[in-house]
Amino acid sequence: MRIIFMGTPDFAVPTLEALVAAGHEVVAVYSQPPRPAGRGKKLQPSPVHLAAEAHGIEVRTPASLKGAEEQTALAALGADVAVVAAYGLILPQAVLDAPRLGCLNVHGSILPRWRGAAPVQRAILAGDDMTGVTIMQMERGLDTGPMLAEVKTQVDGKTAGELTAELAAKGAALMVQVLTDLAAYPAVVQPEAGVTYAHKIDKAESRLDFTRDAVAVERQVRAFAPVPGAFFELEGERYRILAAEVADAQGEAGVTLDDRLTIACGSGAIRPVLIQRAGRPAMDAASLLRGRAIAAGTRLG
């Protein structure tokens, strides 16, 4: 097929790679414009942008697709289908209608649960046992289109980084499978029951709330690992907990219970396994404590 691919972050790269490997003709890649990154704030192309360039595919980075000129340029590609994976821009109706077979989306949840921008993190925070990927025919609503196929996986204590990588691989394979024989995957309207919205993550949500029970706090750690990293503050310094375990202990919420950095929660406690001080590499908790002792009874901000 002649395919327009639209995506931006790492999650989308496996799908682009799978389409190329399957022999489809990716006529153009659309990705969000390069953003300032690093200490020098140099413009950095997105992961999808870099992957497309490595294959010699034309990359387009419009700030919006609402203008007639951009819509005409997209329609002129004469694509059979557009494949969309975490693109990050709203697709106007003219764009949705331009490819002969419309636009198919790789969405990181089992719809209609967790429509929206952050389905992986929201599934972990909610304590879902199961999540997955849905291939969906796009329409103007927010992830409301009919579903063509889905694949499920256990959340099973995974971090957002681990789960995102797994879903990206599963979604890529599923999209190639669907495109091999579209007629075998009739569109099914999403049920009205069970709709939830995965609102975009606010960085303030990554501040650890030790008044919650330990199970919820541990989920918070996994939902924000590796980025932005769930954190607490001590003496004005930020500490990011990248992995933690639930401990069988009780105490005043937010106060350390021993010299192993066991932290009391509203109910139960957590014990960091992997932790990172600001501006330093991640390390296990024992290594951190050898260089920066945190005594029992310390209140964490």
C-alpha atoms as a PDB file:
ATOM      1  CA  MET A   1       0.000   0.000   0.000  1.00  0.00           C
ATOM      2  CA  ARG A   2       0.896   3.646  -0.369  1.00  0.00           C
ATOM      3  CA  ILE A   3       0.973   4.796   3.238  1.00  0.00           C
ATOM      4  CA  ILE A   4       1.250   8.131   4.984  1.00  0.00           C
ATOM      5  CA  PHE A   5       2.680   7.571   8.455  1.00  0.00           C
ATOM      6  CA  MET A   6       1.955  10.052  11.249  1.00  0.00           C
ATOM      7  CA  GLY A   7       3.712   9.741  14.618  1.00  0.00           C
ATOM      8  CA  THR A   8       6.138  11.442  16.964  1.00  0.00           C
ATOM      9  CA  PRO A   9       7.534   9.606  20.063  1.00  0.00           C
ATOM     10  CA  ASP A  10       9.404   6.339  20.578  1.00  0.00           C
ATOM     11  CA  PHE A  11       6.073   4.503  20.870  1.00  0.00           C
ATOM     12  CA  ALA A  12       5.422   5.122  17.163  1.00  0.00           C
ATOM     13  CA  VAL A  13       8.813   4.047  15.791  1.00  0.00           C
ATOM     14  CA  PRO A  14       8.214   0.239  15.811  1.00  0.00           C
ATOM     15  CA  THR A  15       5.079   0.699  13.696  1.00  0.00           C
ATOM     16  CA  LEU A  16       6.979   2.760  11.104  1.00  0.00           C
ATOM     17  CA  GLU A  17       9.772   0.195  11.034  1.00  0.00           C
ATOM     18  CA  ALA A  18       7.270  -2.673  10.683  1.00  0.00           C
ATOM     19  CA  LEU A  19       5.488  -1.006   7.757  1.00  0.00           C
ATOM     20  CA  VAL A  20       8.781  -0.520   5.924  1.00  0.00           C
ATOM     21  CA  ALA A  21       9.885  -4.100   6.667  1.00  0.00           C
ATOM     22  CA  ALA A  22       6.548  -5.435   5.372  1.00  0.00           C
ATOM     23  CA  GLY A  23       7.223  -3.846   1.997  1.00  0.00           C
ATOM     24  CA  HIS A  24       4.680  -1.036   2.093  1.00  0.00           C
ATOM     25  CA  GLU A  25       5.526   2.213   0.332  1.00  0.00           C
ATOM     26  CA  VAL A  26       5.652   4.904   3.007  1.00  0.00           C
ATOM     27  CA  VAL A  27       5.282   7.966   0.787  1.00  0.00           C
ATOM     28  CA  ALA A  28       5.726  10.529   3.580  1.00  0.00           C
ATOM     29  CA  VAL A  29       6.060  10.756   7.331  1.00  0.00           C
ATOM     30  CA  TYR A  30       4.366  13.469   9.357  1.00  0.00           C
ATOM     31  CA  SER A  31       5.802  14.245  12.800  1.00  0.00           C
ATOM     32  CA  GLN A  32       5.647  17.124  15.234  1.00  0.00           C
ATOM     33  CA  PRO A  33       8.208  19.882  14.652  1.00  0.00           C
ATOM     34  CA  PRO A  34      11.663  19.619  16.256  1.00  0.00           C
ATOM     35  CA  ARG A  35      11.674  20.853  19.878  1.00  0.00           C
ATOM     36  CA  PRO A  36      14.432  22.487  21.950  1.00  0.00           C
ATOM     37  CA  ALA A  37      16.192  19.872  24.080  1.00  0.00           C
ATOM     38  CA  GLY A  38      19.302  19.451  26.219  1.00  0.00           C
ATOM     39  CA  ARG A  39      21.369  22.087  27.961  1.00  0.00           C
ATOM     40  CA  GLY A  40      21.933  24.060  24.789  1.00  0.00           C
ATOM     41  CA  LYS A  41      18.227  23.938  23.871  1.00  0.00           C
ATOM     42  CA  LYS A  42      19.168  22.842  20.370  1.00  0.00           C
ATOM     43  CA  LEU A  43      16.246  21.830  18.168  1.00  0.00           C
ATOM     44  CA  GLN A  44      15.898  18.047  18.326  1.00  0.00           C
ATOM     45  CA  PRO A  45      13.895  16.067  15.732  1.00  0.00           C
ATOM     46  CA  SER A  46      11.428  13.531  17.115  1.00  0.00           C
ATOM     47  CA  PRO A  47      12.289   9.804  17.269  1.00  0.00           C
ATOM     48  CA  VAL A  48       9.940   9.171  14.328  1.00  0.00           C
ATOM     49  CA  HIS A  49      11.552  11.993  12.339  1.00  0.00           C
ATOM     50  CA  LEU A  50      14.998  10.442  12.831  1.00  0.00           C
ATOM     51  CA  ALA A  51      13.771   6.938  11.959  1.00  0.00           C
ATOM     52  CA  ALA A  52      12.142   8.170   8.763  1.00  0.00           C
ATOM     53  CA  GLU A  53      15.277  10.008   7.675  1.00  0.00           C
ATOM     54  CA  ALA A  54      17.296   6.840   8.229  1.00  0.00           C
ATOM     55  CA  HIS A  55      15.073   5.149   5.637  1.00  0.00           C
ATOM     56  CA  GLY A  56      15.258   8.092   3.229  1.00  0.00           C
ATOM     57  CA  ILE A  57      11.558   8.892   3.647  1.00  0.00           C
ATOM     58  CA  GLU A  58      10.334  12.477   3.228  1.00  0.00           C
ATOM     59  CA  VAL A  59       9.465  14.038   6.598  1.00  0.00           C
ATOM     60  CA  ARG A  60       6.934  16.823   7.005  1.00  0.00           C
ATOM     61  CA  THR A  61       6.625  18.699  10.302  1.00  0.00           C
ATOM     62  CA  PRO A  62       3.719  21.167  10.099  1.00  0.00           C
ATOM     63  CA  ALA A  63       2.685  22.862  13.315  1.00  0.00           C
ATOM     64  CA  SER A  64      -0.943  22.332  12.284  1.00  0.00           C
ATOM     65  CA  LEU A  65      -2.961  20.527   9.627  1.00  0.00           C
ATOM     66  CA  LYS A  66      -5.860  22.965   9.706  1.00  0.00           C
ATOM     67  CA  GLY A  67      -4.717  25.060   6.726  1.00  0.00           C
ATOM     68  CA  ALA A  68      -5.935  24.372   3.192  1.00  0.00           C
ATOM     69  CA  GLU A  69      -2.373  24.352   1.833  1.00  0.00           C
ATOM     70  CA  GLU A  70      -1.246  21.562   4.175  1.00  0.00           C
ATOM     71  CA  GLN A  71      -4.402  19.566   3.506  1.00  0.00           C
ATOM     72  CA  THR A  72      -3.969  19.865  -0.260  1.00  0.00           C
ATOM     73  CA  ALA A  73      -0.330  18.762  -0.009  1.00  0.00           C
ATOM     74  CA  LEU A  74      -1.331  15.710   2.026  1.00  0.00           C
ATOM     75  CA  ALA A  75      -4.140  14.741  -0.362  1.00  0.00           C
ATOM     76  CA  ALA A  76      -1.752  15.071  -3.318  1.00  0.00           C
ATOM     77  CA  LEU A  77       0.250  12.108  -1.980  1.00  0.00           C
ATOM     78  CA  GLY A  78      -2.507   9.793  -3.212  1.00  0.00           C
ATOM     79  CA  ALA A  79      -2.205   7.465  -0.236  1.00  0.00           C
ATOM     80  CA  ASP A  80      -4.244   4.320   0.244  1.00  0.00           C
ATOM     81  CA  VAL A  81      -4.241   4.765   4.022  1.00  0.00           C
ATOM     82  CA  ALA A  82      -2.729   6.887   6.767  1.00  0.00           C
ATOM     83  CA  VAL A  83      -1.332   5.038   9.781  1.00  0.00           C
ATOM     84  CA  VAL A  84      -1.277   7.135  12.944  1.00  0.00           C
ATOM     85  CA  ALA A  85       0.551   6.362  16.188  1.00  0.00           C
ATOM     86  CA  ALA A  86       0.826   8.993  18.929  1.00  0.00           C
ATOM     87  CA  TYR A  87       1.119  11.828  16.417  1.00  0.00           C
ATOM     88  CA  GLY A  88      -0.032  14.511  18.837  1.00  0.00           C
ATOM     89  CA  LEU A  89      -1.899  16.794  16.424  1.00  0.00           C
ATOM     90  CA  ILE A  90      -5.630  16.946  15.738  1.00  0.00           C
ATOM     91  CA  LEU A  91      -6.570  15.603  12.298  1.00  0.00           C
ATOM     92  CA  PRO A  92      -9.262  17.717  10.595  1.00  0.00           C
ATOM     93  CA  GLN A  93     -11.998  15.938   8.632  1.00  0.00           C
ATOM     94  CA  ALA A  94     -10.302  16.791   5.328  1.00  0.00           C
ATOM     95  CA  VAL A  95      -7.194  14.884   6.478  1.00  0.00           C
ATOM     96  CA  LEU A  96      -9.218  11.935   7.779  1.00  0.00           C
ATOM     97  CA  ASP A  97     -10.947  11.691   4.402  1.00  0.00           C
ATOM     98  CA  ALA A  98      -7.901  12.177   2.160  1.00  0.00           C
ATOM     99  CA  PRO A  99      -6.477   8.615   2.042  1.00  0.00           C
ATOM    100  CA  ARG A 100      -8.607   6.135   0.053  1.00  0.00           C
ATOM    101  CA  LEU A 101      -9.123   3.923   3.119  1.00  0.00           C
ATOM    102  CA  GLY A 102      -9.036   6.682   5.726  1.00  0.00           C
ATOM    103  CA  CYS A 103      -6.794   6.820   8.799  1.00  0.00           C
ATOM    104  CA  LEU A 104      -5.993   3.901  11.110  1.00  0.00           C
ATOM    105  CA  ASN A 105      -4.715   4.541  14.613  1.00  0.00           C
ATOM    106  CA  VAL A 106      -2.513   2.433  16.917  1.00  0.00           C
ATOM    107  CA  HIS A 107      -3.870   3.236  20.395  1.00  0.00           C
ATOM    108  CA  GLY A 108      -2.215   1.994  23.599  1.00  0.00           C
ATOM    109  CA  SER A 109      -5.270   0.685  25.450  1.00  0.00           C
ATOM    110  CA  ILE A 110      -8.248  -1.619  25.045  1.00  0.00           C
ATOM    111  CA  LEU A 111     -10.884   0.845  23.951  1.00  0.00           C
ATOM    112  CA  PRO A 112     -13.186   2.331  25.087  1.00  0.00           C
ATOM    113  CA  ARG A 113     -11.138   2.327  28.310  1.00  0.00           C
ATOM    114  CA  TRP A 114      -8.486   5.038  28.425  1.00  0.00           C
ATOM    115  CA  ARG A 115      -9.250   7.158  25.419  1.00  0.00           C
ATOM    116  CA  GLY A 116      -6.835  10.071  25.256  1.00  0.00           C
ATOM    117  CA  ALA A 117      -3.230  11.108  25.653  1.00  0.00           C
ATOM    118  CA  ALA A 118      -1.791   8.962  28.470  1.00  0.00           C
ATOM    119  CA  PRO A 119      -3.413   5.502  28.439  1.00  0.00           C
ATOM    120  CA  VAL A 120      -0.377   3.598  29.704  1.00  0.00           C
ATOM    121  CA  GLN A 121       0.219   5.783  32.761  1.00  0.00           C
ATOM    122  CA  ARG A 122      -3.494   5.935  33.603  1.00  0.00           C
ATOM    123  CA  ALA A 123      -3.834   2.154  33.423  1.00  0.00           C
ATOM    124  CA  ILE A 124      -0.961   1.713  35.885  1.00  0.00           C
ATOM    125  CA  LEU A 125      -2.209   4.421  38.257  1.00  0.00           C
ATOM    126  CA  ALA A 126      -5.680   2.867  38.293  1.00  0.00           C
ATOM    127  CA  GLY A 127      -4.295  -0.560  39.149  1.00  0.00           C
ATOM    128  CA  ASP A 128      -5.609  -2.210  35.965  1.00  0.00           C
ATOM    129  CA  ASP A 129      -4.657  -5.879  35.652  1.00  0.00           C
ATOM    130  CA  MET A 130      -4.906  -5.841  31.864  1.00  0.00           C
ATOM    131  CA  THR A 131      -4.293  -3.392  29.032  1.00  0.00           C
ATOM    132  CA  GLY A 132      -3.323  -3.665  25.377  1.00  0.00           C
ATOM    133  CA  VAL A 133      -3.454  -2.089  21.929  1.00  0.00           C
ATOM    134  CA  THR A 134      -6.414  -1.300  19.697  1.00  0.00           C
ATOM    135  CA  ILE A 135      -6.320  -0.660  15.934  1.00  0.00           C
ATOM    136  CA  MET A 136      -9.046   1.900  15.304  1.00  0.00           C
ATOM    137  CA  GLN A 137     -10.558   3.657  12.289  1.00  0.00           C
ATOM    138  CA  MET A 138     -10.160   7.331  13.122  1.00  0.00           C
ATOM    139  CA  GLU A 139     -12.979   9.851  13.209  1.00  0.00           C
ATOM    140  CA  ARG A 140     -13.226  13.389  14.593  1.00  0.00           C
ATOM    141  CA  GLY A 141     -13.992  12.369  18.190  1.00  0.00           C
ATOM    142  CA  LEU A 142     -11.237  11.663  20.708  1.00  0.00           C
ATOM    143  CA  ASP A 143     -10.429   7.960  20.130  1.00  0.00           C
ATOM    144  CA  THR A 144     -14.110   7.261  19.496  1.00  0.00           C
ATOM    145  CA  GLY A 145     -13.795   5.492  16.121  1.00  0.00           C
ATOM    146  CA  PRO A 146     -14.776   1.908  15.355  1.00  0.00           C
ATOM    147  CA  MET A 147     -12.308  -0.846  16.277  1.00  0.00           C
ATOM    148  CA  LEU A 148     -10.706  -3.289  13.843  1.00  0.00           C
ATOM    149  CA  ALA A 149      -8.500  -5.411  16.101  1.00  0.00           C
ATOM    150  CA  GLU A 150      -7.005  -5.591  19.568  1.00  0.00           C
ATOM    151  CA  VAL A 151      -4.334  -7.457  21.488  1.00  0.00           C
ATOM    152  CA  LYS A 152      -4.100  -7.668  25.294  1.00  0.00           C
ATOM    153  CA  THR A 153      -1.306  -7.963  27.823  1.00  0.00           C
ATOM    154  CA  GLN A 154      -0.949  -8.096  31.614  1.00  0.00           C
ATOM    155  CA  VAL A 155       0.180  -4.920  33.393  1.00  0.00           C
ATOM    156  CA  ASP A 156       1.870  -7.215  35.932  1.00  0.00           C
ATOM    157  CA  GLY A 157       4.071  -4.755  37.850  1.00  0.00           C
ATOM    158  CA  LYS A 158       5.594  -3.156  34.735  1.00  0.00           C
ATOM    159  CA  THR A 159       6.781   0.432  34.617  1.00  0.00           C
ATOM    160  CA  ALA A 160       5.334   2.854  32.093  1.00  0.00           C
ATOM    161  CA  GLY A 161       8.543   2.585  30.101  1.00  0.00           C
ATOM    162  CA  GLU A 162       8.418  -1.206  29.992  1.00  0.00           C
ATOM    163  CA  LEU A 163       4.716  -1.329  29.189  1.00  0.00           C
ATOM    164  CA  THR A 164       4.990   1.346  26.495  1.00  0.00           C
ATOM    165  CA  ALA A 165       7.776  -0.560  24.744  1.00  0.00           C
ATOM    166  CA  GLU A 166       5.778  -3.799  24.886  1.00  0.00           C
ATOM    167  CA  LEU A 167       2.620  -2.180  23.540  1.00  0.00           C
ATOM    168  CA  ALA A 168       4.581  -0.421  20.787  1.00  0.00           C
ATOM    169  CA  ALA A 169       5.906  -3.767  19.553  1.00  0.00           C
ATOM    170  CA  LYS A 170       2.505  -5.467  19.787  1.00  0.00           C
ATOM    171  CA  GLY A 171       0.781  -2.555  18.063  1.00  0.00           C
ATOM    172  CA  ALA A 172       3.295  -2.569  15.207  1.00  0.00           C
ATOM    173  CA  ALA A 173       2.782  -6.286  14.572  1.00  0.00           C
ATOM    174  CA  LEU A 174      -0.994  -5.943  14.798  1.00  0.00           C
ATOM    175  CA  MET A 175      -1.111  -3.037  12.344  1.00  0.00           C
ATOM    176  CA  VAL A 176       0.886  -4.990   9.756  1.00  0.00           C
ATOM    177  CA  GLN A 177      -1.430  -7.966  10.290  1.00  0.00           C
ATOM    178  CA  VAL A 178      -4.526  -5.819   9.755  1.00  0.00           C
ATOM    179  CA  LEU A 179      -3.153  -4.193   6.589  1.00  0.00           C
ATOM    180  CA  THR A 180      -2.352  -7.611   5.135  1.00  0.00           C
ATOM    181  CA  ASP A 181      -6.090  -8.321   4.823  1.00  0.00           C
ATOM    182  CA  LEU A 182      -8.278  -5.377   5.793  1.00  0.00           C
ATOM    183  CA  ALA A 183     -11.446  -7.201   4.767  1.00  0.00           C
ATOM    184  CA  ALA A 184     -10.815  -9.750   7.508  1.00  0.00           C
ATOM    185  CA  TYR A 185     -11.103  -7.039  10.170  1.00  0.00           C
ATOM    186  CA  PRO A 186     -14.571  -5.471   9.955  1.00  0.00           C
ATOM    187  CA  ALA A 187     -14.976  -2.315  12.023  1.00  0.00           C
ATOM    188  CA  VAL A 188     -16.894  -2.702  15.283  1.00  0.00           C
ATOM    189  CA  VAL A 189     -18.481   0.320  16.961  1.00  0.00           C
ATOM    190  CA  GLN A 190     -17.091   0.978  20.435  1.00  0.00           C
ATOM    191  CA  PRO A 191     -19.472   0.134  23.288  1.00  0.00           C
ATOM    192  CA  GLU A 192     -20.874   3.028  25.256  1.00  0.00           C
ATOM    193  CA  ALA A 193     -20.230   1.277  28.567  1.00  0.00           C
ATOM    194  CA  GLY A 194     -16.784   1.453  30.114  1.00  0.00           C
ATOM    195  CA  VAL A 195     -15.569   4.712  28.601  1.00  0.00           C
ATOM    196  CA  THR A 196     -12.739   6.375  30.553  1.00  0.00           C
ATOM    197  CA  TYR A 197     -10.387   9.210  29.593  1.00  0.00           C
ATOM    198  CA  ALA A 198      -6.620   9.163  29.959  1.00  0.00           C
ATOM    199  CA  HIS A 199      -5.953  12.832  30.493  1.00  0.00           C
ATOM    200  CA  LYS A 200      -2.510  14.190  29.693  1.00  0.00           C
ATOM    201  CA  ILE A 201      -0.028  13.787  32.537  1.00  0.00           C
ATOM    202  CA  ASP A 202       0.699  16.923  34.553  1.00  0.00           C
ATOM    203  CA  LYS A 203       4.252  16.942  35.937  1.00  0.00           C
ATOM    204  CA  ALA A 204       2.816  17.873  39.338  1.00  0.00           C
ATOM    205  CA  GLU A 205       1.278  14.389  39.476  1.00  0.00           C
ATOM    206  CA  SER A 206       4.754  12.881  39.747  1.00  0.00           C
ATOM    207  CA  ARG A 207       5.247  14.323  43.257  1.00  0.00           C
ATOM    208  CA  LEU A 208       4.841  11.348  45.570  1.00  0.00           C
ATOM    209  CA  ASP A 209       1.849  11.517  47.879  1.00  0.00           C
ATOM    210  CA  PHE A 210       2.773   9.448  50.928  1.00  0.00           C
ATOM    211  CA  THR A 211      -0.660  10.000  52.506  1.00  0.00           C
ATOM    212  CA  ARG A 212      -1.986   7.418  50.051  1.00  0.00           C
ATOM    213  CA  ASP A 213      -1.695   3.703  50.764  1.00  0.00           C
ATOM    214  CA  ALA A 214       1.571   1.994  49.838  1.00  0.00           C
ATOM    215  CA  VAL A 215       0.099   0.071  46.898  1.00  0.00           C
ATOM    216  CA  ALA A 216      -1.079   3.325  45.280  1.00  0.00           C
ATOM    217  CA  VAL A 217       2.290   4.998  45.916  1.00  0.00           C
ATOM    218  CA  GLU A 218       4.136   2.089  44.299  1.00  0.00           C
ATOM    219  CA  ARG A 219       1.852   2.406  41.275  1.00  0.00           C
ATOM    220  CA  GLN A 220       2.716   6.097  41.125  1.00  0.00           C
ATOM    221  CA  VAL A 221       6.401   5.156  41.002  1.00  0.00           C
ATOM    222  CA  ARG A 222       5.836   2.744  38.104  1.00  0.00           C
ATOM    223  CA  ALA A 223       3.515   5.084  36.209  1.00  0.00           C
ATOM    224  CA  PHE A 224       6.183   7.796  36.039  1.00  0.00           C
ATOM    225  CA  ALA A 225       9.231   5.605  35.433  1.00  0.00           C
ATOM    226  CA  PRO A 226      11.488   6.356  33.699  1.00  0.00           C
ATOM    227  CA  VAL A 227      10.130   9.855  32.962  1.00  0.00           C
ATOM    228  CA  PRO A 228       9.360  12.242  34.496  1.00  0.00           C
ATOM    229  CA  GLY A 229      10.154  10.123  37.573  1.00  0.00           C
ATOM    230  CA  ALA A 230       8.090  10.109  40.762  1.00  0.00           C
ATOM    231  CA  PHE A 231       9.878  12.209  43.371  1.00  0.00           C
ATOM    232  CA  PHE A 232      10.101  13.523  46.910  1.00  0.00           C
ATOM    233  CA  GLU A 233      12.158  16.411  48.241  1.00  0.00           C
ATOM    234  CA  LEU A 234      14.579  16.490  51.161  1.00  0.00           C
ATOM    235  CA  GLU A 235      16.324  19.677  52.270  1.00  0.00           C
ATOM    236  CA  GLY A 236      15.499  21.341  48.965  1.00  0.00           C
ATOM    237  CA  GLU A 237      16.884  18.511  46.838  1.00  0.00           C
ATOM    238  CA  ARG A 238      14.747  16.344  44.589  1.00  0.00           C
ATOM    239  CA  TYR A 239      15.034  12.542  44.700  1.00  0.00           C
ATOM    240  CA  ARG A 240      13.404  10.482  41.935  1.00  0.00           C
ATOM    241  CA  ILE A 241      12.276   6.969  42.854  1.00  0.00           C
ATOM    242  CA  LEU A 242      12.414   4.826  39.704  1.00  0.00           C
ATOM    243  CA  ALA A 243      11.524   1.493  41.327  1.00  0.00           C
ATOM    244  CA  ALA A 244      10.135   0.582  44.745  1.00  0.00           C
ATOM    245  CA  GLU A 245       8.629  -2.312  46.661  1.00  0.00           C
ATOM    246  CA  VAL A 246       5.784  -2.383  49.153  1.00  0.00           C
ATOM    247  CA  ALA A 247       7.004  -3.035  52.708  1.00  0.00           C
ATOM    248  CA  ASP A 248       5.100  -4.525  55.635  1.00  0.00           C
ATOM    249  CA  ALA A 249       5.509  -1.615  58.043  1.00  0.00           C
ATOM    250  CA  GLN A 250       3.474   1.212  59.524  1.00  0.00           C
ATOM    251  CA  GLY A 251       4.217   4.740  60.659  1.00  0.00           C
ATOM    252  CA  GLU A 252       3.526   8.410  60.113  1.00  0.00           C
ATOM    253  CA  ALA A 253       3.020   9.111  56.415  1.00  0.00           C
ATOM    254  CA  GLY A 254       6.101  10.569  54.725  1.00  0.00           C
ATOM    255  CA  VAL A 255       8.495   9.700  57.550  1.00  0.00           C
ATOM    256  CA  THR A 256      11.370   7.220  57.178  1.00  0.00           C
ATOM    257  CA  LEU A 257      11.077   4.168  59.427  1.00  0.00           C
ATOM    258  CA  ASP A 258      14.652   2.824  59.372  1.00  0.00           C
ATOM    259  CA  ASP A 259      18.084   3.383  57.882  1.00  0.00           C
ATOM    260  CA  ARG A 260      17.087   1.490  54.688  1.00  0.00           C
ATOM    261  CA  LEU A 261      14.891   4.398  53.529  1.00  0.00           C
ATOM    262  CA  THR A 262      11.640   2.582  54.223  1.00  0.00           C
ATOM    263  CA  ILE A 263       8.990   5.313  53.920  1.00  0.00           C
ATOM    264  CA  ALA A 264       5.673   5.149  55.757  1.00  0.00           C
ATOM    265  CA  CYS A 265       2.536   5.756  53.709  1.00  0.00           C
ATOM    266  CA  GLY A 266      -1.081   6.345  54.687  1.00  0.00           C
ATOM    267  CA  SER A 267      -1.281   2.581  55.024  1.00  0.00           C
ATOM    268  CA  GLY A 268       1.790   0.365  54.773  1.00  0.00           C
ATOM    269  CA  ALA A 269       5.148   1.586  53.496  1.00  0.00           C
ATOM    270  CA  ILE A 270       7.377   1.561  50.439  1.00  0.00           C
ATOM    271  CA  ARG A 271      11.081   0.921  50.112  1.00  0.00           C
ATOM    272  CA  PRO A 272      12.946   2.459  47.140  1.00  0.00           C
ATOM    273  CA  VAL A 273      14.881  -0.030  45.013  1.00  0.00           C
ATOM    274  CA  LEU A 274      16.256   2.374  42.399  1.00  0.00           C
ATOM    275  CA  ILE A 275      16.675   6.069  43.182  1.00  0.00           C
ATOM    276  CA  GLN A 276      18.263   9.128  41.615  1.00  0.00           C
ATOM    277  CA  ARG A 277      19.462  12.406  43.104  1.00  0.00           C
ATOM    278  CA  ALA A 278      19.181  15.535  40.979  1.00  0.00           C
ATOM    279  CA  GLY A 279      21.944  15.694  38.379  1.00  0.00           C
ATOM    280  CA  ARG A 280      23.323  12.235  39.237  1.00  0.00           C
ATOM    281  CA  PRO A 281      22.941   8.733  37.801  1.00  0.00           C
ATOM    282  CA  ALA A 282      20.338   6.309  39.128  1.00  0.00           C
ATOM    283  CA  MET A 283      21.562   3.848  41.744  1.00  0.00           C
ATOM    284  CA  ASP A 284      20.246   1.284  44.177  1.00  0.00           C
ATOM    285  CA  ALA A 285      19.079   2.623  47.531  1.00  0.00           C
ATOM    286  CA  ALA A 286      21.975   1.078  49.469  1.00  0.00           C
ATOM    287  CA  SER A 287      24.509   2.894  47.270  1.00  0.00           C
ATOM    288  CA  LEU A 288      22.682   6.169  47.714  1.00  0.00           C
ATOM    289  CA  LEU A 289      22.602   5.797  51.485  1.00  0.00           C
ATOM    290  CA  ARG A 290      26.331   5.097  51.671  1.00  0.00           C
ATOM    291  CA  GLY A 291      26.957   8.529  50.227  1.00  0.00           C
ATOM    292  CA  ARG A 292      24.009  10.346  51.749  1.00  0.00           C
ATOM    293  CA  ALA A 293      22.686   8.814  54.976  1.00  0.00           C
ATOM    294  CA  ILE A 294      18.989   9.429  55.683  1.00  0.00           C
ATOM    295  CA  ALA A 295      18.211   8.532  59.274  1.00  0.00           C
ATOM    296  CA  ALA A 296      15.059   6.946  60.604  1.00  0.00           C
ATOM    297  CA  GLY A 297      12.522   9.587  61.587  1.00  0.00           C
ATOM    298  CA  THR A 298      13.349  11.918  58.676  1.00  0.00           C
ATOM    299  CA  ARG A 299      10.305  13.670  57.234  1.00  0.00           C
ATOM    300  CA  LEU A 300      10.294  13.788  53.441  1.00  0.00           C
ATOM    301  CA  GLY A 301       8.710  16.638  51.517  1.00  0.00           C
END
